[in-house]
Amino acid sequence: MTKRFFYLLLISTATLFFQSCSYNSLVAYDEASNKAWADVEAAYQRRTDLIDNLVQTVKGAAKFEQETLTAVVEARAKATSVQFKADELTPENIAKFQAAQAQLSGALSRLLVVSEQYPDLKTNTQFGELMNELERTENRINIARRDYNEAVQNYNTQLRSFPANITAGMFKFKSKEMFKAEPGSEKAPKVQF
């Protein structure tokens, strides 16, 4: 009877030990992915802030096509209205977020194409600096997305690993969605002059 009790106690202790270790790991990975998501939002916010300066510079430098500027301003407003907390990152919410950001990217592309028609605008120093800053910001966004996907991969891997999968089920940890490429982005864009 004492051997049976000893083995039962040993198994219970080992189970609790493994679960507590995996719980702490899951929390650490979850927090890392939440921080990575916050970095993604910060990078997008930086782009949003720069766009307002870009639009104001373009307005001041040329009698610009109002339709293009309006599209950029509206897309910026829509992109800033779609925000989620890290625990709300469902596939549907990530798709909404990416769609709003894609609309903003498209509007920016149209703005850049139209700006080519205005030589005075291209020589404007402030416009050039803003365009360079916008390019660096797009690179930051790409890095933030990649870092987020890496953090989510680490979290999801830990979540599915033994014995963490037992702990995850007990404490209702759920897997997270990664950023995915927009449909059609595997095709190179056609540049026409």
N, C-alpha and C. Protein backbone atom coordinates (compact mmCIF):
# COMPACT_ATOMS: atom_id res chain seq x y z
N MET A 1 0.82 -1.18 0.00
CA MET A 1 0.00 0.00 0.00
C MET A 1 0.87 1.26 0.00
N THR A 2 1.95 1.27 0.74
CA THR A 2 2.81 2.45 0.79
C THR A 2 3.54 2.65 -0.53
N LYS A 3 3.91 1.55 -1.24
CA LYS A 3 4.55 1.71 -2.54
C LYS A 3 3.57 2.32 -3.54
N ARG A 4 2.36 1.84 -3.50
CA ARG A 4 1.34 2.35 -4.42
C ARG A 4 1.10 3.85 -4.14
N PHE A 5 1.00 4.21 -2.88
CA PHE A 5 0.82 5.62 -2.50
C PHE A 5 2.02 6.45 -2.94
N PHE A 6 3.21 5.92 -2.76
CA PHE A 6 4.44 6.62 -3.15
C PHE A 6 4.46 6.86 -4.67
N TYR A 7 4.14 5.85 -5.46
CA TYR A 7 4.12 5.98 -6.92
C TYR A 7 3.04 6.98 -7.36
N LEU A 8 1.90 6.92 -6.74
CA LEU A 8 0.82 7.84 -7.07
C LEU A 8 1.24 9.28 -6.75
N LEU A 9 1.88 9.46 -5.61
CA LEU A 9 2.37 10.78 -5.23
C LEU A 9 3.45 11.26 -6.19
N LEU A 10 4.34 10.38 -6.59
CA LEU A 10 5.41 10.71 -7.53
C LEU A 10 4.83 11.12 -8.89
N ILE A 11 3.89 10.37 -9.37
CA ILE A 11 3.26 10.67 -10.67
C ILE A 11 2.51 11.99 -10.59
N SER A 12 1.79 12.22 -9.52
CA SER A 12 1.05 13.48 -9.35
C SER A 12 1.99 14.68 -9.31
N THR A 13 3.07 14.53 -8.56
CA THR A 13 4.05 15.61 -8.45
C THR A 13 4.70 15.88 -9.80
N ALA A 14 5.08 14.84 -10.51
CA ALA A 14 5.71 15.00 -11.83
C ALA A 14 4.74 15.68 -12.81
N THR A 15 3.49 15.27 -12.77
CA THR A 15 2.49 15.86 -13.65
C THR A 15 2.32 17.35 -13.35
N LEU A 16 2.20 17.69 -12.09
CA LEU A 16 2.07 19.10 -11.71
C LEU A 16 3.31 19.89 -12.07
N PHE A 17 4.48 19.30 -11.91
CA PHE A 17 5.73 19.97 -12.24
C PHE A 17 5.78 20.28 -13.74
N PHE A 18 5.47 19.28 -14.56
CA PHE A 18 5.52 19.48 -16.01
C PHE A 18 4.48 20.50 -16.46
N GLN A 19 3.31 20.45 -15.86
CA GLN A 19 2.27 21.39 -16.26
C GLN A 19 2.60 22.81 -15.84
N SER A 20 3.18 22.99 -14.67
CA SER A 20 3.52 24.35 -14.26
C SER A 20 4.62 24.92 -15.14
N CYS A 21 5.56 24.09 -15.54
CA CYS A 21 6.62 24.56 -16.44
C CYS A 21 6.03 24.95 -17.79
N SER A 22 5.15 24.13 -18.32
CA SER A 22 4.58 24.44 -19.62
C SER A 22 3.61 25.62 -19.53
N TYR A 23 2.95 25.79 -18.41
CA TYR A 23 2.07 26.94 -18.25
C TYR A 23 2.88 28.23 -18.34
N ASN A 24 3.97 28.28 -17.62
CA ASN A 24 4.82 29.48 -17.64
C ASN A 24 5.38 29.72 -19.04
N SER A 25 5.74 28.68 -19.72
CA SER A 25 6.25 28.82 -21.10
C SER A 25 5.16 29.36 -22.01
N LEU A 26 3.96 28.81 -21.88
CA LEU A 26 2.85 29.28 -22.71
C LEU A 26 2.56 30.76 -22.46
N VAL A 27 2.59 31.16 -21.21
CA VAL A 27 2.36 32.57 -20.89
C VAL A 27 3.45 33.43 -21.51
N ALA A 28 4.70 33.00 -21.42
CA ALA A 28 5.81 33.77 -21.99
C ALA A 28 5.67 33.89 -23.51
N TYR A 29 5.35 32.80 -24.19
CA TYR A 29 5.17 32.84 -25.64
C TYR A 29 3.95 33.67 -26.03
N ASP A 30 2.90 33.57 -25.25
CA ASP A 30 1.70 34.36 -25.51
C ASP A 30 2.01 35.85 -25.40
N GLU A 31 2.72 36.22 -24.35
CA GLU A 31 3.09 37.63 -24.17
C GLU A 31 4.03 38.11 -25.27
N ALA A 32 4.94 37.25 -25.71
CA ALA A 32 5.84 37.62 -26.81
C ALA A 32 5.06 37.88 -28.09
N SER A 33 4.06 37.04 -28.37
CA SER A 33 3.26 37.26 -29.58
C SER A 33 2.39 38.51 -29.43
N ASN A 34 1.90 38.80 -28.21
CA ASN A 34 1.14 40.02 -28.00
C ASN A 34 2.01 41.25 -28.23
N LYS A 35 3.25 41.20 -27.76
CA LYS A 35 4.17 42.31 -27.97
C LYS A 35 4.49 42.47 -29.46
N ALA A 36 4.66 41.37 -30.14
CA ALA A 36 4.94 41.43 -31.58
C ALA A 36 3.76 42.06 -32.32
N TRP A 37 2.53 41.75 -31.90
CA TRP A 37 1.35 42.35 -32.52
C TRP A 37 1.34 43.86 -32.27
N ALA A 38 1.69 44.26 -31.05
CA ALA A 38 1.76 45.69 -30.74
C ALA A 38 2.79 46.38 -31.62
N ASP A 39 3.89 45.72 -31.92
CA ASP A 39 4.91 46.27 -32.81
C ASP A 39 4.37 46.44 -34.23
N VAL A 40 3.56 45.47 -34.68
CA VAL A 40 2.93 45.58 -36.00
C VAL A 40 2.02 46.80 -36.03
N GLU A 41 1.20 46.96 -35.01
CA GLU A 41 0.30 48.11 -34.96
C GLU A 41 1.08 49.42 -34.91
N ALA A 42 2.18 49.45 -34.18
CA ALA A 42 3.00 50.66 -34.10
C ALA A 42 3.58 51.01 -35.46
N ALA A 43 4.02 50.01 -36.20
CA ALA A 43 4.58 50.27 -37.54
C ALA A 43 3.50 50.81 -38.47
N TYR A 44 2.31 50.23 -38.41
CA TYR A 44 1.22 50.74 -39.23
C TYR A 44 0.82 52.16 -38.80
N GLN A 45 0.85 52.42 -37.51
CA GLN A 45 0.52 53.76 -37.01
C GLN A 45 1.52 54.79 -37.54
N ARG A 46 2.78 54.40 -37.58
CA ARG A 46 3.82 55.29 -38.11
C ARG A 46 3.51 55.64 -39.56
N ARG A 47 3.11 54.64 -40.34
CA ARG A 47 2.77 54.90 -41.74
C ARG A 47 1.56 55.83 -41.81
N THR A 48 0.57 55.59 -40.99
CA THR A 48 -0.63 56.42 -40.99
C THR A 48 -0.29 57.87 -40.66
N ASP A 49 0.57 58.07 -39.70
CA ASP A 49 0.98 59.43 -39.34
C ASP A 49 1.74 60.11 -40.48
N LEU A 50 2.59 59.36 -41.15
CA LEU A 50 3.35 59.94 -42.27
C LEU A 50 2.45 60.31 -43.44
N ILE A 51 1.40 59.55 -43.64
CA ILE A 51 0.52 59.79 -44.79
C ILE A 51 -0.12 61.17 -44.69
N ASP A 52 -0.54 61.55 -43.48
CA ASP A 52 -1.15 62.86 -43.32
C ASP A 52 -0.16 63.96 -43.72
N ASN A 53 1.10 63.84 -43.30
CA ASN A 53 2.11 64.82 -43.69
C ASN A 53 2.33 64.81 -45.20
N LEU A 54 2.33 63.63 -45.79
CA LEU A 54 2.52 63.51 -47.23
C LEU A 54 1.39 64.19 -47.99
N VAL A 55 0.16 63.95 -47.56
CA VAL A 55 -0.99 64.56 -48.23
C VAL A 55 -0.93 66.08 -48.12
N GLN A 56 -0.58 66.59 -46.96
CA GLN A 56 -0.50 68.04 -46.79
C GLN A 56 0.60 68.64 -47.67
N THR A 57 1.72 67.94 -47.80
CA THR A 57 2.81 68.41 -48.65
C THR A 57 2.38 68.43 -50.11
N VAL A 58 1.71 67.39 -50.54
CA VAL A 58 1.25 67.30 -51.92
C VAL A 58 0.23 68.39 -52.20
N LYS A 59 -0.68 68.62 -51.28
CA LYS A 59 -1.68 69.67 -51.46
C LYS A 59 -1.02 71.02 -51.64
N GLY A 60 -0.01 71.28 -50.85
CA GLY A 60 0.66 72.57 -50.92
C GLY A 60 1.54 72.73 -52.14
N ALA A 61 2.01 71.66 -52.71
CA ALA A 61 2.97 71.75 -53.81
C ALA A 61 2.32 71.77 -55.18
N ALA A 62 1.09 71.32 -55.29
CA ALA A 62 0.48 71.24 -56.62
C ALA A 62 -1.03 71.32 -56.51
N LYS A 63 -1.63 71.79 -57.57
CA LYS A 63 -3.09 71.70 -57.66
C LYS A 63 -3.36 70.26 -58.06
N PHE A 64 -3.52 69.43 -57.05
CA PHE A 64 -3.49 67.99 -57.24
C PHE A 64 -4.86 67.43 -57.55
N GLU A 65 -4.89 66.25 -58.07
CA GLU A 65 -6.15 65.58 -58.35
C GLU A 65 -6.85 65.26 -57.03
N GLN A 66 -7.96 65.94 -56.83
CA GLN A 66 -8.68 65.84 -55.56
C GLN A 66 -9.15 64.41 -55.29
N GLU A 67 -9.53 63.71 -56.32
CA GLU A 67 -10.04 62.33 -56.16
C GLU A 67 -8.98 61.43 -55.53
N THR A 68 -7.75 61.56 -55.97
CA THR A 68 -6.67 60.73 -55.43
C THR A 68 -6.41 61.07 -53.97
N LEU A 69 -6.36 62.37 -53.66
CA LEU A 69 -6.14 62.77 -52.26
C LEU A 69 -7.28 62.30 -51.37
N THR A 70 -8.49 62.40 -51.85
CA THR A 70 -9.65 61.96 -51.07
C THR A 70 -9.58 60.46 -50.82
N ALA A 71 -9.17 59.70 -51.83
CA ALA A 71 -9.05 58.25 -51.66
C ALA A 71 -8.01 57.91 -50.60
N VAL A 72 -6.89 58.63 -50.59
CA VAL A 72 -5.84 58.38 -49.60
C VAL A 72 -6.34 58.71 -48.20
N VAL A 73 -7.00 59.84 -48.06
CA VAL A 73 -7.50 60.26 -46.74
C VAL A 73 -8.55 59.28 -46.23
N GLU A 74 -9.47 58.86 -47.12
CA GLU A 74 -10.50 57.90 -46.70
C GLU A 74 -9.90 56.55 -46.33
N ALA A 75 -8.94 56.10 -47.11
CA ALA A 75 -8.30 54.80 -46.81
C ALA A 75 -7.53 54.89 -45.50
N ARG A 76 -6.90 56.02 -45.24
CA ARG A 76 -6.19 56.22 -43.97
C ARG A 76 -7.17 56.14 -42.80
N ALA A 77 -8.31 56.81 -42.94
CA ALA A 77 -9.32 56.79 -41.87
C ALA A 77 -9.83 55.37 -41.63
N LYS A 78 -10.07 54.64 -42.70
CA LYS A 78 -10.57 53.27 -42.54
C LYS A 78 -9.51 52.38 -41.89
N ALA A 79 -8.25 52.55 -42.31
CA ALA A 79 -7.17 51.71 -41.76
C ALA A 79 -7.00 51.95 -40.26
N THR A 80 -7.17 53.21 -39.83
CA THR A 80 -7.01 53.48 -38.40
C THR A 80 -8.21 53.04 -37.59
N SER A 81 -9.35 52.83 -38.24
CA SER A 81 -10.54 52.41 -37.49
C SER A 81 -10.57 50.90 -37.23
N VAL A 82 -9.77 50.14 -37.96
CA VAL A 82 -9.73 48.69 -37.80
C VAL A 82 -8.55 48.34 -36.90
N GLN A 83 -8.85 48.15 -35.62
CA GLN A 83 -7.81 47.79 -34.66
C GLN A 83 -8.33 46.70 -33.75
N PHE A 84 -7.43 45.81 -33.38
CA PHE A 84 -7.80 44.69 -32.51
C PHE A 84 -6.75 44.52 -31.43
N LYS A 85 -7.19 44.01 -30.30
CA LYS A 85 -6.26 43.63 -29.25
C LYS A 85 -5.67 42.28 -29.60
N ALA A 86 -4.56 41.95 -28.99
CA ALA A 86 -3.86 40.71 -29.32
C ALA A 86 -4.72 39.48 -29.06
N ASP A 87 -5.63 39.53 -28.09
CA ASP A 87 -6.45 38.35 -27.82
C ASP A 87 -7.67 38.25 -28.74
N GLU A 88 -7.83 39.21 -29.67
CA GLU A 88 -8.93 39.19 -30.63
C GLU A 88 -8.45 38.82 -32.03
N LEU A 89 -7.28 38.22 -32.14
CA LEU A 89 -6.69 37.95 -33.45
C LEU A 89 -7.21 36.65 -34.05
N THR A 90 -8.44 36.71 -34.49
CA THR A 90 -9.03 35.58 -35.19
C THR A 90 -8.69 35.71 -36.68
N PRO A 91 -8.83 34.65 -37.45
CA PRO A 91 -8.56 34.76 -38.89
C PRO A 91 -9.41 35.86 -39.55
N GLU A 92 -10.66 36.01 -39.11
CA GLU A 92 -11.55 37.02 -39.69
C GLU A 92 -11.04 38.42 -39.37
N ASN A 93 -10.63 38.65 -38.13
CA ASN A 93 -10.15 39.98 -37.74
C ASN A 93 -8.84 40.32 -38.42
N ILE A 94 -7.95 39.36 -38.56
CA ILE A 94 -6.69 39.62 -39.28
C ILE A 94 -6.99 39.94 -40.74
N ALA A 95 -7.97 39.25 -41.33
CA ALA A 95 -8.34 39.52 -42.72
C ALA A 95 -8.90 40.94 -42.86
N LYS A 96 -9.73 41.38 -41.91
CA LYS A 96 -10.27 42.75 -41.94
C LYS A 96 -9.13 43.77 -41.83
N PHE A 97 -8.20 43.50 -40.91
CA PHE A 97 -7.07 44.40 -40.70
C PHE A 97 -6.24 44.50 -41.98
N GLN A 98 -5.93 43.35 -42.57
CA GLN A 98 -5.11 43.34 -43.79
C GLN A 98 -5.85 43.99 -44.95
N ALA A 99 -7.17 43.81 -45.04
CA ALA A 99 -7.93 44.43 -46.12
C ALA A 99 -7.88 45.95 -46.02
N ALA A 100 -8.03 46.48 -44.81
CA ALA A 100 -7.97 47.93 -44.62
C ALA A 100 -6.58 48.46 -44.96
N GLN A 101 -5.54 47.74 -44.55
CA GLN A 101 -4.18 48.17 -44.86
C GLN A 101 -3.90 48.06 -46.35
N ALA A 102 -4.46 47.04 -47.01
CA ALA A 102 -4.27 46.88 -48.46
C ALA A 102 -4.93 48.03 -49.21
N GLN A 103 -6.10 48.45 -48.74
CA GLN A 103 -6.78 49.57 -49.38
C GLN A 103 -5.94 50.84 -49.25
N LEU A 104 -5.34 51.03 -48.10
CA LEU A 104 -4.47 52.18 -47.89
C LEU A 104 -3.23 52.10 -48.79
N SER A 105 -2.65 50.92 -48.90
CA SER A 105 -1.49 50.74 -49.78
C SER A 105 -1.84 51.05 -51.23
N GLY A 106 -3.02 50.61 -51.65
CA GLY A 106 -3.47 50.89 -53.02
C GLY A 106 -3.65 52.38 -53.27
N ALA A 107 -4.25 53.07 -52.31
CA ALA A 107 -4.44 54.51 -52.45
C ALA A 107 -3.10 55.23 -52.50
N LEU A 108 -2.15 54.78 -51.68
CA LEU A 108 -0.81 55.37 -51.71
C LEU A 108 -0.14 55.15 -53.07
N SER A 109 -0.32 53.97 -53.61
CA SER A 109 0.27 53.67 -54.93
C SER A 109 -0.28 54.63 -55.99
N ARG A 110 -1.60 54.86 -55.95
CA ARG A 110 -2.20 55.79 -56.92
C ARG A 110 -1.64 57.20 -56.71
N LEU A 111 -1.45 57.58 -55.45
CA LEU A 111 -0.89 58.90 -55.15
C LEU A 111 0.51 59.03 -55.75
N LEU A 112 1.30 57.98 -55.62
CA LEU A 112 2.67 58.03 -56.14
C LEU A 112 2.69 58.08 -57.66
N VAL A 113 1.78 57.35 -58.30
CA VAL A 113 1.72 57.37 -59.76
C VAL A 113 1.33 58.75 -60.25
N VAL A 114 0.32 59.35 -59.62
CA VAL A 114 -0.12 60.67 -60.04
C VAL A 114 0.95 61.72 -59.76
N SER A 115 1.70 61.53 -58.66
CA SER A 115 2.74 62.51 -58.32
C SER A 115 3.83 62.57 -59.38
N GLU A 116 4.00 61.50 -60.14
CA GLU A 116 4.99 61.49 -61.21
C GLU A 116 4.65 62.52 -62.29
N GLN A 117 3.39 62.91 -62.38
CA GLN A 117 2.95 63.85 -63.40
C GLN A 117 3.26 65.30 -63.02
N TYR A 118 3.75 65.51 -61.81
CA TYR A 118 4.00 66.86 -61.33
C TYR A 118 5.49 67.03 -61.03
N PRO A 119 6.26 67.55 -61.98
CA PRO A 119 7.71 67.69 -61.79
C PRO A 119 8.06 68.58 -60.59
N ASP A 120 7.26 69.62 -60.34
CA ASP A 120 7.54 70.50 -59.20
C ASP A 120 7.46 69.72 -57.90
N LEU A 121 6.51 68.81 -57.83
CA LEU A 121 6.32 68.02 -56.61
C LEU A 121 7.52 67.10 -56.38
N LYS A 122 8.01 66.48 -57.45
CA LYS A 122 9.14 65.56 -57.31
C LYS A 122 10.41 66.28 -56.85
N THR A 123 10.54 67.55 -57.17
CA THR A 123 11.73 68.28 -56.75
C THR A 123 11.57 68.89 -55.36
N ASN A 124 10.38 68.83 -54.79
CA ASN A 124 10.13 69.36 -53.46
C ASN A 124 10.88 68.51 -52.44
N THR A 125 11.77 69.13 -51.68
CA THR A 125 12.62 68.42 -50.72
C THR A 125 11.79 67.70 -49.66
N GLN A 126 10.78 68.40 -49.15
CA GLN A 126 9.96 67.79 -48.10
C GLN A 126 9.24 66.55 -48.63
N PHE A 127 8.74 66.62 -49.86
CA PHE A 127 8.06 65.48 -50.45
C PHE A 127 9.03 64.31 -50.59
N GLY A 128 10.25 64.59 -51.06
CA GLY A 128 11.25 63.53 -51.20
C GLY A 128 11.61 62.88 -49.88
N GLU A 129 11.76 63.71 -48.85
CA GLU A 129 12.07 63.18 -47.52
C GLU A 129 10.92 62.32 -46.99
N LEU A 130 9.70 62.79 -47.19
CA LEU A 130 8.55 62.00 -46.74
C LEU A 130 8.46 60.67 -47.48
N MET A 131 8.75 60.69 -48.78
CA MET A 131 8.70 59.45 -49.56
C MET A 131 9.77 58.47 -49.06
N ASN A 132 10.96 58.98 -48.76
CA ASN A 132 12.00 58.10 -48.21
C ASN A 132 11.60 57.54 -46.86
N GLU A 133 11.00 58.39 -46.03
CA GLU A 133 10.56 57.94 -44.71
C GLU A 133 9.44 56.91 -44.84
N LEU A 134 8.56 57.12 -45.81
CA LEU A 134 7.48 56.15 -46.04
C LEU A 134 8.05 54.81 -46.49
N GLU A 135 9.07 54.83 -47.32
CA GLU A 135 9.71 53.59 -47.77
C GLU A 135 10.34 52.85 -46.58
N ARG A 136 11.03 53.59 -45.72
CA ARG A 136 11.62 52.97 -44.52
C ARG A 136 10.52 52.40 -43.61
N THR A 137 9.41 53.11 -43.53
CA THR A 137 8.30 52.63 -42.70
C THR A 137 7.71 51.35 -43.26
N GLU A 138 7.59 51.27 -44.57
CA GLU A 138 7.09 50.03 -45.18
C GLU A 138 8.03 48.87 -44.87
N ASN A 139 9.32 49.13 -44.85
CA ASN A 139 10.27 48.08 -44.47
C ASN A 139 10.08 47.68 -43.02
N ARG A 140 9.83 48.66 -42.15
CA ARG A 140 9.57 48.36 -40.74
C ARG A 140 8.31 47.51 -40.58
N ILE A 141 7.29 47.82 -41.37
CA ILE A 141 6.05 47.05 -41.32
C ILE A 141 6.33 45.60 -41.70
N ASN A 142 7.10 45.42 -42.75
CA ASN A 142 7.44 44.07 -43.19
C ASN A 142 8.20 43.31 -42.11
N ILE A 143 9.14 43.97 -41.46
CA ILE A 143 9.92 43.33 -40.39
C ILE A 143 9.01 43.01 -39.21
N ALA A 144 8.11 43.94 -38.86
CA ALA A 144 7.19 43.71 -37.74
C ALA A 144 6.27 42.53 -38.02
N ARG A 145 5.79 42.42 -39.26
CA ARG A 145 4.94 41.27 -39.62
C ARG A 145 5.72 39.96 -39.50
N ARG A 146 6.96 39.98 -40.00
CA ARG A 146 7.79 38.77 -39.93
C ARG A 146 8.06 38.39 -38.48
N ASP A 147 8.37 39.38 -37.63
CA ASP A 147 8.61 39.10 -36.22
C ASP A 147 7.35 38.58 -35.53
N TYR A 148 6.20 39.14 -35.91
CA TYR A 148 4.93 38.66 -35.36
C TYR A 148 4.70 37.20 -35.74
N ASN A 149 4.91 36.89 -37.02
CA ASN A 149 4.71 35.51 -37.47
C ASN A 149 5.66 34.55 -36.75
N GLU A 150 6.88 34.99 -36.50
CA GLU A 150 7.83 34.15 -35.77
C GLU A 150 7.37 33.93 -34.33
N ALA A 151 6.89 34.99 -33.69
CA ALA A 151 6.40 34.86 -32.31
C ALA A 151 5.18 33.95 -32.25
N VAL A 152 4.29 34.07 -33.22
CA VAL A 152 3.11 33.20 -33.26
C VAL A 152 3.51 31.76 -33.54
N GLN A 153 4.48 31.56 -34.41
CA GLN A 153 4.97 30.20 -34.68
C GLN A 153 5.52 29.58 -33.41
N ASN A 154 6.33 30.32 -32.67
CA ASN A 154 6.89 29.80 -31.42
C ASN A 154 5.78 29.47 -30.42
N TYR A 155 4.81 30.35 -30.30
CA TYR A 155 3.69 30.14 -29.38
C TYR A 155 2.88 28.91 -29.79
N ASN A 156 2.50 28.85 -31.08
CA ASN A 156 1.70 27.72 -31.55
C ASN A 156 2.46 26.39 -31.43
N THR A 157 3.77 26.42 -31.66
CA THR A 157 4.58 25.20 -31.51
C THR A 157 4.56 24.74 -30.06
N GLN A 158 4.78 25.68 -29.16
CA GLN A 158 4.74 25.35 -27.73
C GLN A 158 3.36 24.84 -27.34
N LEU A 159 2.34 25.46 -27.87
CA LEU A 159 0.96 25.10 -27.56
C LEU A 159 0.64 23.66 -27.95
N ARG A 160 1.23 23.20 -29.04
CA ARG A 160 0.94 21.85 -29.54
C ARG A 160 1.90 20.79 -29.01
N SER A 161 2.96 21.21 -28.31
CA SER A 161 3.96 20.27 -27.81
C SER A 161 3.52 19.65 -26.48
N PHE A 162 3.98 18.43 -26.26
CA PHE A 162 3.70 17.74 -25.00
C PHE A 162 4.70 18.17 -23.96
N PRO A 163 4.38 18.41 -22.74
CA PRO A 163 3.08 18.33 -22.08
C PRO A 163 2.31 19.64 -22.10
N ALA A 164 2.82 20.64 -22.84
CA ALA A 164 2.15 21.93 -22.88
C ALA A 164 0.74 21.82 -23.47
N ASN A 165 0.54 20.88 -24.39
CA ASN A 165 -0.79 20.74 -24.98
C ASN A 165 -1.84 20.36 -23.93
N ILE A 166 -1.43 19.62 -22.92
CA ILE A 166 -2.35 19.26 -21.83
C ILE A 166 -2.67 20.52 -21.02
N THR A 167 -1.63 21.25 -20.67
CA THR A 167 -1.82 22.49 -19.92
C THR A 167 -2.64 23.48 -20.72
N ALA A 168 -2.36 23.60 -22.00
CA ALA A 168 -3.10 24.53 -22.86
C ALA A 168 -4.58 24.21 -22.87
N GLY A 169 -4.89 22.93 -22.94
CA GLY A 169 -6.30 22.53 -22.91
C GLY A 169 -6.96 22.85 -21.58
N MET A 170 -6.22 22.63 -20.50
CA MET A 170 -6.77 22.90 -19.17
C MET A 170 -7.02 24.39 -18.95
N PHE A 171 -6.12 25.23 -19.46
CA PHE A 171 -6.23 26.67 -19.22
C PHE A 171 -6.77 27.44 -20.43
N LYS A 172 -7.27 26.70 -21.41
CA LYS A 172 -7.95 27.27 -22.58
C LYS A 172 -7.08 28.24 -23.39
N PHE A 173 -5.80 27.91 -23.55
CA PHE A 173 -4.96 28.66 -24.48
C PHE A 173 -5.38 28.28 -25.89
N LYS A 174 -5.44 29.25 -26.79
CA LYS A 174 -5.84 28.98 -28.17
C LYS A 174 -4.73 29.39 -29.12
N SER A 175 -4.65 28.71 -30.25
CA SER A 175 -3.63 29.05 -31.24
C SER A 175 -3.96 30.42 -31.85
N LYS A 176 -2.93 31.04 -32.42
CA LYS A 176 -3.08 32.37 -33.01
C LYS A 176 -2.85 32.29 -34.51
N GLU A 177 -3.40 33.25 -35.23
CA GLU A 177 -3.27 33.34 -36.68
C GLU A 177 -2.05 34.17 -37.06
N MET A 178 -1.42 33.78 -38.14
CA MET A 178 -0.29 34.53 -38.67
C MET A 178 -0.78 35.48 -39.75
N PHE A 179 0.06 36.46 -40.07
CA PHE A 179 -0.19 37.29 -41.24
C PHE A 179 0.02 36.43 -42.47
N LYS A 180 -0.83 36.60 -43.45
CA LYS A 180 -0.69 35.89 -44.71
C LYS A 180 -0.56 36.91 -45.83
N ALA A 181 0.04 36.49 -46.91
CA ALA A 181 0.16 37.37 -48.07
C ALA A 181 -1.22 37.63 -48.65
N GLU A 182 -1.38 38.80 -49.22
CA GLU A 182 -2.65 39.14 -49.86
C GLU A 182 -2.82 38.28 -51.11
N PRO A 183 -4.05 37.90 -51.42
CA PRO A 183 -4.28 37.11 -52.63
C PRO A 183 -3.75 37.84 -53.86
N GLY A 184 -3.03 37.13 -54.70
CA GLY A 184 -2.47 37.69 -55.91
C GLY A 184 -1.10 38.30 -55.75
N SER A 185 -0.59 38.35 -54.52
CA SER A 185 0.71 38.99 -54.31
C SER A 185 1.87 38.12 -54.80
N GLU A 186 1.57 36.87 -55.16
CA GLU A 186 2.64 36.02 -55.68
C GLU A 186 3.02 36.40 -57.11
N LYS A 187 2.16 37.19 -57.76
CA LYS A 187 2.42 37.64 -59.12
C LYS A 187 3.13 38.99 -59.07
N ALA A 188 4.15 39.14 -59.88
CA ALA A 188 4.89 40.40 -59.93
C ALA A 188 3.99 41.49 -60.53
N PRO A 189 3.98 42.69 -59.96
CA PRO A 189 3.15 43.77 -60.52
C PRO A 189 3.70 44.22 -61.86
N LYS A 190 2.80 44.64 -62.74
CA LYS A 190 3.22 45.14 -64.03
C LYS A 190 3.42 46.65 -63.92
N VAL A 191 4.57 47.09 -64.33
CA VAL A 191 4.88 48.52 -64.33
C VAL A 191 4.77 49.02 -65.75
N GLN A 192 3.91 50.02 -65.96
CA GLN A 192 3.73 50.59 -67.30
C GLN A 192 3.93 52.09 -67.24
N PHE A 193 4.62 52.60 -68.23
CA PHE A 193 4.83 54.04 -68.31
C PHE A 193 4.13 54.60 -69.54
